[in-house]
Amino acid sequence: MNGLLKFITCGSVDDGKSTLIGHILYDSKLIYADQEKALILDSKVGSRGGKIDYSLLLDGLMAEREQGITIDVAYRYFTTEKRSFIVADTPGHEQYTRNMAVGASFADFAVILIDATQGVLVQTRRHARICALMGIRYFAFAVNKMDLVDYKKERFDEILSQIEELKKELDLFSVKVIPVSATEGDNITKKSSNMEWYDGPALLSYLEDIKIDTVRKEEGFYMPVQRVCRPDRTFRGFQGQIEAGDISLGEEVIIIPTGEHANVKSIYIGDKEANSAAEGRPVTISLDREVDVSRGCVITKDLKPHISKSFLAKILWMDDNDYEGSGDYIVKIGTKQMPGVIREIRHKVDVNTGEFIEAFSLKKNELALVSIDLQEAVVLDEFESHRTLGELILIDRVTNMTSACGVVTEVESDADRQGNSVFTDGILKAAADVFDEYFFERSSKTIRRISPKKTIYNIGDELPIEGESYKYPNDFDIVSENAVIKIRGGVFTEIIKPAAYENAGAAQVSPEGFAKEPGGSGTGFVYKFETYRNVVIKDKLY
């Protein structure tokens, strides 16, 4: 018997997701006799002329049955002779996209339905992008309602070419396209005689046989600490789920971020002692000496995850309230929660074309790449390397609303965090935000900071010393605690350590581009905003 498969059904509204799963359950004899009788009775008052409405097995809310759409995520567990399944049937309406994202976060496989009469729609593309964002690599596209296009191969081939374009655009790992009719049962649990031109498997057969054990394995052993267990003064254990690798008694482990070493004294799986434990197991681990471990720490043997407070993340904005350039959030990443802010929106993603769009605000269901700063450094990693250390949600600190979910794409260094302009002579390196623009937007009554694309400047490069909201003199020094950057005649001429710096009369500015208070020398002085910067008033920035 193949292993458990957790999959999600998604697609545009009324594509037939609930009907498809209901038909699988019905045809496979996976419902009780009283459920079957109730289904037949309920279907008689439906809109299919008394025919069985299989979606009623999934759509349990009264509002769902009244409107004929799925609103909440419906989870079902079922088992065939070949495999056990957990399926999340998700809503297709754009209003409930965030519900769909919740379902995608748990799944290893996605079944995306496409209405044969309409083809690939914007919502289909959005769901495929969200599934890919959540780390799903295996897809089956079920081209549904083939009975409404007279089971024509030509129509299926047209949609197949649309799916091939989407596969290339999103770089999907594994894709299977199956023509089906969820209401009539064609190619759902058994091959259909109405589409003899299709030589592939029925959908259920494909789900039973698909091998997902080829999904990339995460390197090393690590366990994010969820809870410190102290039942009495004689025992101190660290509880969590092993996300990768395995652990055995006596092995040496490292605590991140403290870097302390200790040996494993005992391992408990539930209330039973064990000699070892493997990936996926919730465990309690005790160590042979006292170490500083709390929720959010990571126990590992051979990994060196990042410890940082700045990173780039792809996010799906889920809040009913728009993001307007400011806000206080709790960032939950791994098992750690930490106050944080969105420093900037790098770009939004056009769901239909994949194009990157300049943006200064986000609306519900929009996808974007953003820079996030945390209050303190935490243990994290890129999602592609270690999934659990790269998943995150943003929680609004005022409303307690889950404002966004996403994944870490890049952990930023100190230079990345400090500025978008990096100055280097090949040995020394420093960063600054001297070329950022500041605008006051009348419509939102907020000051917006717009950062240019990250640029590395080398000795001899000419600099953009004048912009819309700033104007520097031809000669000035950017003075920070780590380095002094000299600009002469609008050209980057030298970078030196602060200890070697003597002010020869050139203007001095901070790494943010603010003029230093006259009369001082050295670093650490108060900087004045207005000398080289002015906020420009604009009616609209986007």
Protein backbone atom coordinates (compact mmCIF):
# COMPACT_ATOMS: atom_id res chain seq x y z
CA MET A 1 0.00 0.00 0.00
CA ASN A 2 1.30 3.45 -0.91
CA GLY A 3 1.79 6.10 1.76
CA LEU A 4 -0.66 8.78 2.88
CA LEU A 5 -1.36 11.45 0.25
CA LYS A 6 -2.50 14.88 1.43
CA PHE A 7 -3.99 16.77 -1.48
CA ILE A 8 -6.04 19.87 -2.20
CA THR A 9 -8.71 20.55 -4.81
CA CYS A 10 -8.83 24.09 -6.13
CA GLY A 11 -9.75 26.17 -9.15
CA SER A 12 -12.20 28.87 -10.15
CA VAL A 13 -15.71 29.11 -8.72
CA ASP A 14 -18.19 26.45 -9.94
CA ASP A 15 -15.50 24.37 -11.65
CA GLY A 16 -16.86 21.29 -9.86
CA LYS A 17 -14.35 20.64 -7.09
CA SER A 18 -16.84 19.44 -4.47
CA THR A 19 -18.73 17.39 -7.06
CA LEU A 20 -15.52 15.65 -8.13
CA ILE A 21 -14.52 14.61 -4.59
CA GLY A 22 -18.09 13.66 -3.76
CA HIS A 23 -18.19 11.42 -6.83
CA ILE A 24 -14.96 9.70 -5.78
CA LEU A 25 -16.40 9.00 -2.32
CA TYR A 26 -19.70 7.76 -3.77
CA ASP A 27 -18.29 5.55 -6.53
CA SER A 28 -15.67 4.06 -4.23
CA LYS A 29 -18.35 3.08 -1.68
CA LEU A 30 -16.65 5.28 0.90
CA ILE A 31 -19.82 6.66 2.50
CA TYR A 32 -22.21 5.10 4.99
CA ALA A 33 -25.63 3.82 3.96
CA ASP A 34 -27.44 6.58 5.86
CA GLN A 35 -25.21 9.21 4.17
CA GLU A 36 -26.13 7.75 0.79
CA LYS A 37 -29.86 7.89 1.59
CA ALA A 38 -29.56 11.46 2.86
CA LEU A 39 -27.63 12.44 -0.26
CA ILE A 40 -30.31 11.03 -2.54
CA LEU A 41 -33.08 12.81 -0.60
CA ASP A 42 -31.21 16.14 -0.49
CA SER A 43 -30.49 15.92 -4.22
CA LYS A 44 -34.19 15.71 -5.03
CA VAL A 45 -34.64 19.34 -3.92
CA GLY A 46 -31.57 20.51 -5.81
CA SER A 47 -31.13 21.93 -9.29
CA ARG A 48 -30.12 18.79 -11.23
CA GLY A 49 -33.60 17.49 -11.90
CA GLY A 50 -33.42 14.92 -9.11
CA LYS A 51 -30.04 13.52 -10.16
CA ILE A 52 -27.51 12.97 -7.39
CA ASP A 53 -25.67 16.16 -6.41
CA TYR A 54 -22.32 14.81 -5.23
CA SER A 55 -21.14 18.21 -3.98
CA LEU A 56 -23.53 17.89 -1.01
CA LEU A 57 -21.13 15.35 0.53
CA LEU A 58 -18.58 18.16 0.90
CA ASP A 59 -20.53 21.41 1.14
CA GLY A 60 -21.94 21.18 4.65
CA LEU A 61 -22.68 24.82 5.47
CA MET A 62 -26.21 26.06 4.83
CA ALA A 63 -24.84 29.08 2.96
CA GLU A 64 -22.81 26.75 0.73
CA ARG A 65 -25.85 24.69 -0.20
CA GLU A 66 -28.00 27.76 -0.79
CA GLN A 67 -25.46 29.41 -3.11
CA GLY A 68 -24.08 26.24 -4.69
CA ILE A 69 -20.49 27.24 -3.87
CA THR A 70 -17.85 26.20 -1.34
CA ILE A 71 -17.02 28.81 1.32
CA ASP A 72 -15.02 27.02 3.99
CA VAL A 73 -12.30 24.37 3.56
CA ALA A 74 -13.79 20.88 3.88
CA TYR A 75 -11.37 18.16 4.97
CA ARG A 76 -12.16 14.51 4.28
CA TYR A 77 -10.25 11.34 5.12
CA PHE A 78 -10.77 8.23 3.01
CA THR A 79 -8.94 5.00 2.17
CA THR A 80 -8.91 2.80 -0.91
CA GLU A 81 -7.22 -0.57 -1.35
CA LYS A 82 -4.06 1.16 -2.55
CA ARG A 83 -3.76 4.33 -0.47
CA SER A 84 -5.04 6.56 2.32
CA PHE A 85 -5.96 10.15 1.53
CA ILE A 86 -6.67 13.43 3.28
CA VAL A 87 -8.29 15.92 0.89
CA ALA A 88 -8.95 19.60 1.44
CA ASP A 89 -11.81 20.80 -0.76
CA THR A 90 -11.28 24.56 -1.02
CA PRO A 91 -13.45 27.47 -2.19
CA GLY A 92 -13.00 28.82 -5.71
CA HIS A 93 -14.49 32.29 -5.28
CA GLU A 94 -11.89 35.09 -5.20
CA GLN A 95 -13.42 36.36 -1.94
CA TYR A 96 -12.33 33.14 -0.21
CA THR A 97 -8.83 32.84 -1.71
CA ARG A 98 -7.27 33.07 1.74
CA ASN A 99 -9.30 29.99 2.79
CA MET A 100 -7.83 28.19 -0.21
CA ALA A 101 -4.31 29.22 0.85
CA VAL A 102 -4.88 27.65 4.27
CA GLY A 103 -5.78 24.36 2.60
CA ALA A 104 -2.73 24.54 0.32
CA SER A 105 -0.39 24.97 3.29
CA PHE A 106 -1.00 21.40 4.44
CA ALA A 107 -0.94 19.59 1.08
CA ASP A 108 1.70 17.71 -0.91
CA PHE A 109 -0.36 17.49 -4.09
CA ALA A 110 -2.86 19.76 -5.88
CA VAL A 111 -5.79 18.84 -8.10
CA ILE A 112 -6.71 22.00 -10.00
CA LEU A 113 -10.02 21.89 -11.83
CA ILE A 114 -10.63 23.74 -15.09
CA ASP A 115 -14.04 24.23 -16.66
CA ALA A 116 -13.79 22.85 -20.21
CA THR A 117 -16.24 25.50 -21.43
CA GLN A 118 -14.06 28.36 -20.10
CA GLY A 119 -10.45 27.19 -20.05
CA VAL A 120 -7.72 28.60 -17.80
CA LEU A 121 -9.05 31.63 -15.89
CA VAL A 122 -7.39 34.29 -13.72
CA GLN A 123 -8.49 32.51 -10.55
CA THR A 124 -7.02 29.25 -11.91
CA ARG A 125 -3.68 31.01 -12.34
CA ARG A 126 -3.91 32.57 -8.89
CA HIS A 127 -4.53 29.20 -7.24
CA ALA A 128 -1.67 27.57 -9.16
CA ARG A 129 0.67 30.37 -8.03
CA ILE A 130 -0.44 30.05 -4.41
CA CYS A 131 0.04 26.26 -4.48
CA ALA A 132 3.55 26.75 -5.88
CA LEU A 133 4.20 29.45 -3.25
CA MET A 134 3.21 26.98 -0.51
CA GLY A 135 5.74 24.45 -1.79
CA ILE A 136 3.43 22.08 -3.69
CA ARG A 137 5.38 20.51 -6.57
CA TYR A 138 2.95 17.85 -7.83
CA PHE A 139 -0.14 18.87 -9.81
CA ALA A 140 -3.03 17.20 -11.63
CA PHE A 141 -5.13 19.49 -13.81
CA ALA A 142 -8.62 17.99 -14.17
CA VAL A 143 -10.34 19.45 -17.23
CA ASN A 144 -13.92 19.11 -15.99
CA LYS A 145 -17.34 19.32 -17.67
CA MET A 146 -16.13 17.54 -20.80
CA ASP A 147 -19.74 16.39 -21.26
CA LEU A 148 -20.71 20.03 -21.95
CA VAL A 149 -18.25 20.22 -24.88
CA ASP A 150 -19.38 16.85 -26.30
CA TYR A 151 -16.15 15.17 -25.10
CA LYS A 152 -14.24 16.81 -27.97
CA LYS A 153 -10.51 16.11 -28.09
CA GLU A 154 -9.94 19.43 -29.91
CA ARG A 155 -11.24 21.42 -26.95
CA PHE A 156 -9.11 19.39 -24.53
CA ASP A 157 -6.02 20.05 -26.67
CA GLU A 158 -6.70 23.80 -26.59
CA ILE A 159 -6.78 23.78 -22.78
CA LEU A 160 -3.75 21.47 -22.67
CA SER A 161 -1.68 24.11 -24.49
CA GLN A 162 -2.84 26.76 -21.97
CA ILE A 163 -1.74 24.51 -19.10
CA GLU A 164 1.65 23.92 -20.76
CA GLU A 165 2.21 27.69 -20.83
CA LEU A 166 1.28 27.93 -17.16
CA LYS A 167 3.63 25.05 -16.31
CA LYS A 168 6.56 26.83 -17.96
CA GLU A 169 5.67 30.18 -16.41
CA LEU A 170 5.55 28.78 -12.85
CA ASP A 171 8.27 26.16 -13.38
CA LEU A 172 6.01 23.41 -12.05
CA PHE A 173 7.83 20.17 -11.26
CA SER A 174 5.23 17.49 -12.10
CA VAL A 175 2.00 18.00 -14.06
CA LYS A 176 -0.66 15.56 -15.28
CA VAL A 177 -3.69 16.69 -17.30
CA ILE A 178 -6.83 14.50 -17.21
CA PRO A 179 -10.17 15.13 -19.01
CA VAL A 180 -13.11 14.39 -16.69
CA SER A 181 -16.80 14.94 -16.04
CA ALA A 182 -17.44 15.13 -12.30
CA THR A 183 -21.23 14.95 -12.62
CA GLU A 184 -21.29 12.01 -15.07
CA GLY A 185 -18.30 10.19 -13.56
CA ASP A 186 -16.10 10.12 -16.68
CA ASN A 187 -12.45 9.38 -15.83
CA ILE A 188 -13.09 9.91 -12.11
CA THR A 189 -12.76 6.43 -10.65
CA LYS A 190 -12.62 4.47 -13.92
CA LYS A 191 -11.78 5.10 -17.57
CA SER A 192 -14.56 6.60 -19.68
CA SER A 193 -15.81 5.13 -22.94
CA ASN A 194 -16.83 8.65 -23.99
CA MET A 195 -13.19 9.72 -24.39
CA GLU A 196 -11.41 6.80 -26.03
CA TRP A 197 -8.90 9.26 -27.48
CA TYR A 198 -7.50 9.73 -23.94
CA ASP A 199 -4.99 6.98 -23.14
CA GLY A 200 -4.03 8.04 -19.60
CA PRO A 201 -5.32 6.87 -16.19
CA ALA A 202 -8.52 7.88 -14.41
CA LEU A 203 -8.02 10.53 -11.74
CA LEU A 204 -8.37 8.23 -8.72
CA SER A 205 -5.98 5.68 -10.24
CA TYR A 206 -3.43 8.44 -10.78
CA LEU A 207 -3.79 9.66 -7.19
CA GLU A 208 -3.39 6.10 -5.90
CA ASP A 209 -0.20 5.46 -7.87
CA ILE A 210 1.62 8.81 -7.87
CA LYS A 211 4.93 8.64 -6.04
CA ILE A 212 5.72 11.74 -4.04
CA ASP A 213 8.69 10.32 -2.17
CA THR A 214 10.92 11.95 -4.78
CA VAL A 215 10.20 15.34 -3.22
CA ARG A 216 13.53 16.89 -2.24
CA LYS A 217 14.75 15.83 1.18
CA GLU A 218 15.90 18.52 3.55
CA GLU A 219 19.50 18.19 4.63
CA GLY A 220 20.59 17.41 8.16
CA PHE A 221 18.63 17.07 11.40
CA TYR A 222 16.68 19.89 13.00
CA MET A 223 13.82 20.31 15.45
CA PRO A 224 12.32 23.75 16.21
CA VAL A 225 11.51 23.89 19.93
CA GLN A 226 7.79 24.30 20.49
CA ARG A 227 7.69 23.99 24.28
CA VAL A 228 9.96 23.47 27.29
CA CYS A 229 8.54 20.66 29.44
CA ARG A 230 9.13 20.83 33.23
CA PRO A 231 6.83 18.26 34.95
CA ASP A 232 9.05 18.39 38.06
CA ARG A 233 12.43 19.68 39.17
CA THR A 234 14.24 16.53 38.00
CA PHE A 235 13.31 16.70 34.33
CA ARG A 236 13.68 19.37 31.65
CA GLY A 237 12.71 18.36 28.14
CA PHE A 238 12.37 20.18 24.84
CA GLN A 239 9.33 19.35 22.76
CA GLY A 240 8.77 19.74 19.05
CA GLN A 241 8.46 17.87 15.78
CA ILE A 242 11.50 16.54 13.96
CA GLU A 243 11.37 18.32 10.60
CA ALA A 244 14.31 16.55 8.95
CA GLY A 245 16.80 13.77 9.70
CA ASP A 246 16.86 11.59 12.81
CA ILE A 247 18.29 11.63 16.32
CA SER A 248 19.61 8.92 18.65
CA LEU A 249 20.61 8.65 22.30
CA GLY A 250 24.09 9.95 23.05
CA GLU A 251 24.42 12.09 19.93
CA GLU A 252 25.81 15.59 20.26
CA VAL A 253 23.47 18.42 19.30
CA ILE A 254 23.87 22.16 18.85
CA ILE A 255 21.40 24.77 20.10
CA ILE A 256 20.75 27.58 17.64
CA PRO A 257 21.09 30.56 18.11
CA THR A 258 23.22 30.23 21.28
CA GLY A 259 25.68 27.74 19.74
CA GLU A 260 25.81 25.63 22.93
CA HIS A 261 26.62 21.91 22.64
CA ALA A 262 25.13 19.00 24.62
CA ASN A 263 24.43 15.28 24.27
CA VAL A 264 21.02 13.63 24.04
CA LYS A 265 20.18 12.04 27.39
CA SER A 266 16.68 10.70 26.61
CA ILE A 267 14.08 10.68 23.86
CA TYR A 268 10.35 10.33 24.47
CA ILE A 269 7.75 9.64 21.78
CA GLY A 270 4.52 10.36 23.60
CA ASP A 271 5.10 8.91 27.07
CA LYS A 272 7.33 6.06 25.84
CA GLU A 273 11.11 6.20 25.93
CA ALA A 274 12.88 5.49 22.63
CA ASN A 275 16.45 5.00 21.49
CA SER A 276 15.95 7.09 18.36
CA ALA A 277 13.36 9.13 16.46
CA ALA A 278 13.01 10.10 12.82
CA GLU A 279 11.53 12.85 10.65
CA GLY A 280 7.88 13.68 11.29
CA ARG A 281 7.85 12.45 14.89
CA PRO A 282 6.70 14.74 17.72
CA VAL A 283 9.25 14.12 20.49
CA THR A 284 10.53 15.28 23.85
CA ILE A 285 14.32 15.47 24.06
CA SER A 286 16.30 15.91 27.28
CA LEU A 287 19.99 16.80 27.33
CA ASP A 288 22.86 15.81 29.60
CA ARG A 289 23.56 19.34 30.79
CA GLU A 290 21.78 22.62 31.39
CA VAL A 291 21.64 24.79 28.28
CA ASP A 292 19.76 27.95 27.37
CA VAL A 293 16.81 26.72 25.29
CA SER A 294 13.40 28.33 24.84
CA ARG A 295 10.54 28.34 22.34
CA GLY A 296 11.85 29.41 18.94
CA CYS A 297 15.29 27.85 19.36
CA VAL A 298 16.34 25.06 17.01
CA ILE A 299 18.07 21.82 18.03
CA THR A 300 20.31 20.47 15.29
CA LYS A 301 23.34 18.24 14.75
CA ASP A 302 24.88 19.42 11.51
CA LEU A 303 23.01 22.46 10.21
CA LYS A 304 23.94 26.11 10.25
CA PRO A 305 20.67 27.96 9.59
CA HIS A 306 20.69 31.74 9.30
CA ILE A 307 20.31 34.00 12.32
CA SER A 308 18.98 37.29 11.04
CA LYS A 309 16.36 39.95 11.53
CA SER A 310 15.92 40.89 7.86
CA PHE A 311 14.77 38.85 4.89
CA LEU A 312 12.88 38.90 1.62
CA ALA A 313 9.58 37.02 1.45
CA LYS A 314 6.94 36.19 -1.13
CA ILE A 315 3.59 36.84 0.54
CA LEU A 316 -0.13 36.56 -0.15
CA TRP A 317 -1.99 39.51 1.41
CA MET A 318 -5.01 38.05 3.23
CA ASP A 319 -6.34 40.97 5.27
CA ASP A 320 -9.59 42.74 4.40
CA ASN A 321 -7.74 45.98 5.18
CA ASP A 322 -5.26 47.13 2.56
CA TYR A 323 -1.58 47.46 3.38
CA GLU A 324 -0.83 51.17 2.91
CA GLY A 325 2.88 51.33 3.65
CA SER A 326 2.84 51.05 7.43
CA GLY A 327 1.65 48.72 10.18
CA ASP A 328 2.80 46.76 13.21
CA TYR A 329 2.81 42.99 12.90
CA ILE A 330 3.75 39.89 14.79
CA VAL A 331 5.81 37.72 12.45
CA LYS A 332 5.48 33.99 13.18
CA ILE A 333 8.29 32.00 11.61
CA GLY A 334 9.16 28.47 12.67
CA THR A 335 8.06 28.33 16.31
CA LYS A 336 9.15 31.91 17.01
CA GLN A 337 6.98 35.02 17.19
CA MET A 338 8.58 38.44 16.91
CA PRO A 339 7.37 42.02 16.25
CA GLY A 340 8.26 43.15 12.75
CA VAL A 341 7.50 45.56 9.92
CA ILE A 342 7.36 45.44 6.14
CA ARG A 343 10.27 47.64 5.16
CA GLU A 344 9.28 47.89 1.51
CA ILE A 345 7.35 46.22 -1.28
CA ARG A 346 9.85 45.15 -3.93
CA HIS A 347 7.08 44.39 -6.44
CA LYS A 348 3.63 42.91 -6.87
CA VAL A 349 2.98 39.95 -9.17
CA ASP A 350 0.35 40.20 -11.89
CA VAL A 351 -1.60 36.97 -11.39
CA ASN A 352 -2.57 36.66 -15.03
CA THR A 353 0.77 37.42 -16.72
CA GLY A 354 3.36 36.89 -13.99
CA GLU A 355 4.66 40.42 -14.63
CA PHE A 356 6.34 42.31 -11.77
CA ILE A 357 4.53 45.55 -10.95
CA GLU A 358 5.85 48.49 -8.91
CA ALA A 359 3.60 48.93 -5.88
CA PHE A 360 3.27 50.87 -2.63
CA SER A 361 0.15 49.16 -1.27
CA LEU A 362 -1.41 45.69 -1.21
CA LYS A 363 -5.02 44.56 -1.44
CA LYS A 364 -6.57 41.26 -0.38
CA ASN A 365 -5.44 38.26 -2.46
CA GLU A 366 -2.51 40.10 -4.06
CA LEU A 367 0.92 38.45 -4.26
CA ALA A 368 4.10 40.42 -3.65
CA LEU A 369 7.80 40.25 -2.84
CA VAL A 370 8.54 42.29 0.30
CA SER A 371 11.42 43.10 2.64
CA ILE A 372 10.69 42.38 6.32
CA ASP A 373 12.59 43.60 9.37
CA LEU A 374 12.21 41.96 12.78
CA GLN A 375 12.79 43.47 16.19
CA GLU A 376 15.42 40.86 17.00
CA ALA A 377 17.36 38.24 15.06
CA VAL A 378 15.69 34.80 14.85
CA VAL A 379 16.60 31.40 13.43
CA LEU A 380 15.35 31.13 9.85
CA ASP A 381 16.27 29.85 6.39
CA GLU A 382 15.12 30.02 2.79
CA PHE A 383 11.92 28.02 2.24
CA GLU A 384 13.59 26.06 -0.57
CA SER A 385 16.25 24.80 1.85
CA HIS A 386 14.28 24.15 5.05
CA ARG A 387 10.53 24.49 4.78
CA THR A 388 9.59 24.93 8.44
CA LEU A 389 12.23 27.63 8.98
CA GLY A 390 11.03 29.48 5.89
CA GLU A 391 7.24 29.57 6.40
CA LEU A 392 5.72 32.67 7.94
CA ILE A 393 2.53 34.54 8.71
CA LEU A 394 2.01 38.21 9.60
CA ILE A 395 -0.47 38.91 12.40
CA ASP A 396 -1.85 42.41 12.86
CA ARG A 397 -0.98 43.51 16.40
CA VAL A 398 -4.16 45.58 16.74
CA THR A 399 -6.86 43.41 15.17
CA ASN A 400 -5.11 40.02 15.67
CA MET A 401 -6.01 39.30 12.03
CA THR A 402 -3.73 37.05 9.97
CA SER A 403 -2.73 39.72 7.47
CA ALA A 404 -0.47 37.66 5.20
CA CYS A 405 1.17 34.31 4.72
CA GLY A 406 4.30 33.58 2.76
CA VAL A 407 7.76 32.08 2.48
CA VAL A 408 11.32 33.34 2.95
CA THR A 409 13.12 33.63 -0.39
CA GLU A 410 16.35 35.27 0.76
CA VAL A 411 17.96 36.05 4.11
CA GLU A 412 19.54 39.49 4.03
CA SER A 413 22.97 40.41 5.37
CA ASP A 414 23.73 43.53 7.39
CA ALA A 415 24.72 45.37 4.20
CA ASP A 416 21.47 44.32 2.53
CA ARG A 417 19.47 45.54 5.51
CA GLN A 418 21.21 48.87 5.88
CA GLY A 419 20.72 50.18 2.37
CA ASN A 420 20.09 49.65 -1.30
CA SER A 421 23.31 51.40 -2.36
CA VAL A 422 26.41 49.36 -1.59
CA PHE A 423 29.84 51.01 -1.84
CA THR A 424 33.01 48.91 -2.09
CA ASP A 425 36.66 49.15 -3.11
CA GLY A 426 36.97 45.38 -3.30
CA ILE A 427 38.02 45.09 0.35
CA LEU A 428 35.86 47.40 2.45
CA LYS A 429 32.10 47.39 1.96
CA ALA A 430 29.35 49.68 3.31
CA ALA A 431 25.71 50.35 2.49
CA ALA A 432 23.50 53.43 2.58
CA ASP A 433 20.03 54.66 1.67
CA VAL A 434 21.22 58.04 0.37
CA PHE A 435 19.34 57.76 -2.94
CA ASP A 436 15.92 56.82 -1.54
CA GLU A 437 13.06 59.15 -2.45
CA TYR A 438 10.51 60.51 0.06
CA PHE A 439 7.03 61.52 -1.10
CA PHE A 440 3.99 62.82 0.76
CA GLU A 441 0.92 61.26 -0.85
CA ARG A 442 -2.17 63.40 -0.44
CA SER A 443 -4.72 60.62 -0.97
CA SER A 444 -3.47 58.49 1.94
CA LYS A 445 -1.91 61.34 3.95
CA THR A 446 1.28 59.32 4.43
CA ILE A 447 4.94 59.78 3.68
CA ARG A 448 6.22 57.00 1.45
CA ARG A 449 9.82 55.98 1.06
CA ILE A 450 10.74 54.58 -2.36
CA SER A 451 14.03 52.69 -2.61
CA PRO A 452 15.87 52.32 -5.92
CA LYS A 453 16.90 48.93 -7.24
CA LYS A 454 19.88 47.59 -5.27
CA THR A 455 23.09 48.89 -6.84
CA ILE A 456 26.75 48.17 -6.09
CA TYR A 457 29.07 51.15 -6.62
CA ASN A 458 32.79 50.70 -7.19
CA ILE A 459 35.58 53.28 -7.02
CA GLY A 460 35.25 55.70 -9.95
CA ASP A 461 31.49 55.27 -10.46
CA GLU A 462 29.44 58.40 -11.09
CA LEU A 463 26.55 58.73 -8.60
CA PRO A 464 22.95 60.02 -8.96
CA ILE A 465 23.50 62.88 -6.48
CA GLU A 466 20.25 64.65 -7.45
CA GLY A 467 16.74 63.17 -7.39
CA GLU A 468 13.16 64.36 -6.99
CA SER A 469 13.35 64.63 -3.18
CA TYR A 470 17.09 65.04 -2.57
CA LYS A 471 20.05 67.06 -3.85
CA TYR A 472 23.59 66.59 -2.53
CA PRO A 473 26.61 68.81 -3.15
CA ASN A 474 29.29 67.62 -5.57
CA ASP A 475 31.62 66.87 -2.65
CA PHE A 476 30.35 65.06 0.48
CA ASP A 477 31.15 62.19 2.85
CA ILE A 478 28.74 59.48 3.98
CA VAL A 479 29.71 58.90 7.59
CA SER A 480 28.64 55.77 9.51
CA GLU A 481 29.95 53.78 12.45
CA ASN A 482 31.60 51.22 10.16
CA ALA A 483 32.97 53.25 7.24
CA VAL A 484 33.30 56.65 5.61
CA ILE A 485 32.43 56.90 1.90
CA LYS A 486 33.98 59.86 0.04
CA ILE A 487 32.25 61.43 -2.97
CA ARG A 488 34.12 64.08 -4.94
CA GLY A 489 32.72 65.80 -8.01
CA GLY A 490 29.73 63.42 -7.88
CA VAL A 491 32.07 60.41 -8.18
CA PHE A 492 32.72 57.67 -5.58
CA THR A 493 36.45 58.13 -4.86
CA GLU A 494 37.32 56.34 -1.59
CA ILE A 495 36.04 54.23 1.33
CA ILE A 496 37.97 54.17 4.62
CA LYS A 497 37.62 53.09 8.24
CA PRO A 498 36.25 55.80 10.60
CA ALA A 499 39.48 55.77 12.64
CA ALA A 500 41.41 57.00 9.59
CA TYR A 501 38.94 59.75 8.71
CA GLU A 502 39.67 63.46 9.00
CA ASN A 503 37.09 65.94 7.84
CA ALA A 504 38.68 68.16 5.21
CA GLY A 505 35.68 70.46 4.94
CA ALA A 506 33.38 68.34 2.76
CA ALA A 507 29.71 68.11 3.68
CA GLN A 508 28.82 65.15 5.87
CA VAL A 509 25.64 63.06 5.67
CA SER A 510 24.31 60.00 7.43
CA PRO A 511 23.75 56.64 5.66
CA GLU A 512 20.10 57.76 5.29
CA GLY A 513 21.18 60.96 3.51
CA PHE A 514 20.53 63.44 6.32
CA ALA A 515 22.88 66.39 6.80
CA LYS A 516 25.06 66.42 9.90
CA GLU A 517 24.51 69.18 12.46
CA PRO A 518 27.11 71.93 11.73
CA GLY A 519 30.03 72.41 14.09
CA GLY A 520 30.77 68.81 15.01
CA SER A 521 33.38 66.27 13.97
CA GLY A 522 33.63 62.51 13.88
CA THR A 523 30.55 60.26 14.00
CA GLY A 524 27.52 59.84 16.25
CA PHE A 525 26.10 63.34 15.85
CA VAL A 526 22.49 64.36 15.26
CA TYR A 527 21.60 64.71 11.58
CA LYS A 528 19.24 67.30 10.11
CA PHE A 529 16.61 66.22 7.61
CA GLU A 530 15.97 69.36 5.63
CA THR A 531 19.43 70.36 4.36
CA TYR A 532 19.73 67.89 1.47
CA ARG A 533 16.27 66.31 1.53
CA ASN A 534 12.75 67.62 0.98
CA VAL A 535 9.53 65.60 0.91
CA VAL A 536 7.85 66.03 -2.46
CA ILE A 537 4.04 66.27 -2.46
CA LYS A 538 2.25 64.01 -4.94
CA ASP A 539 -1.41 63.26 -5.54
CA LYS A 540 -0.85 59.58 -6.42
CA LEU A 541 2.18 57.32 -6.57
CA TYR A 542 0.58 54.39 -8.38
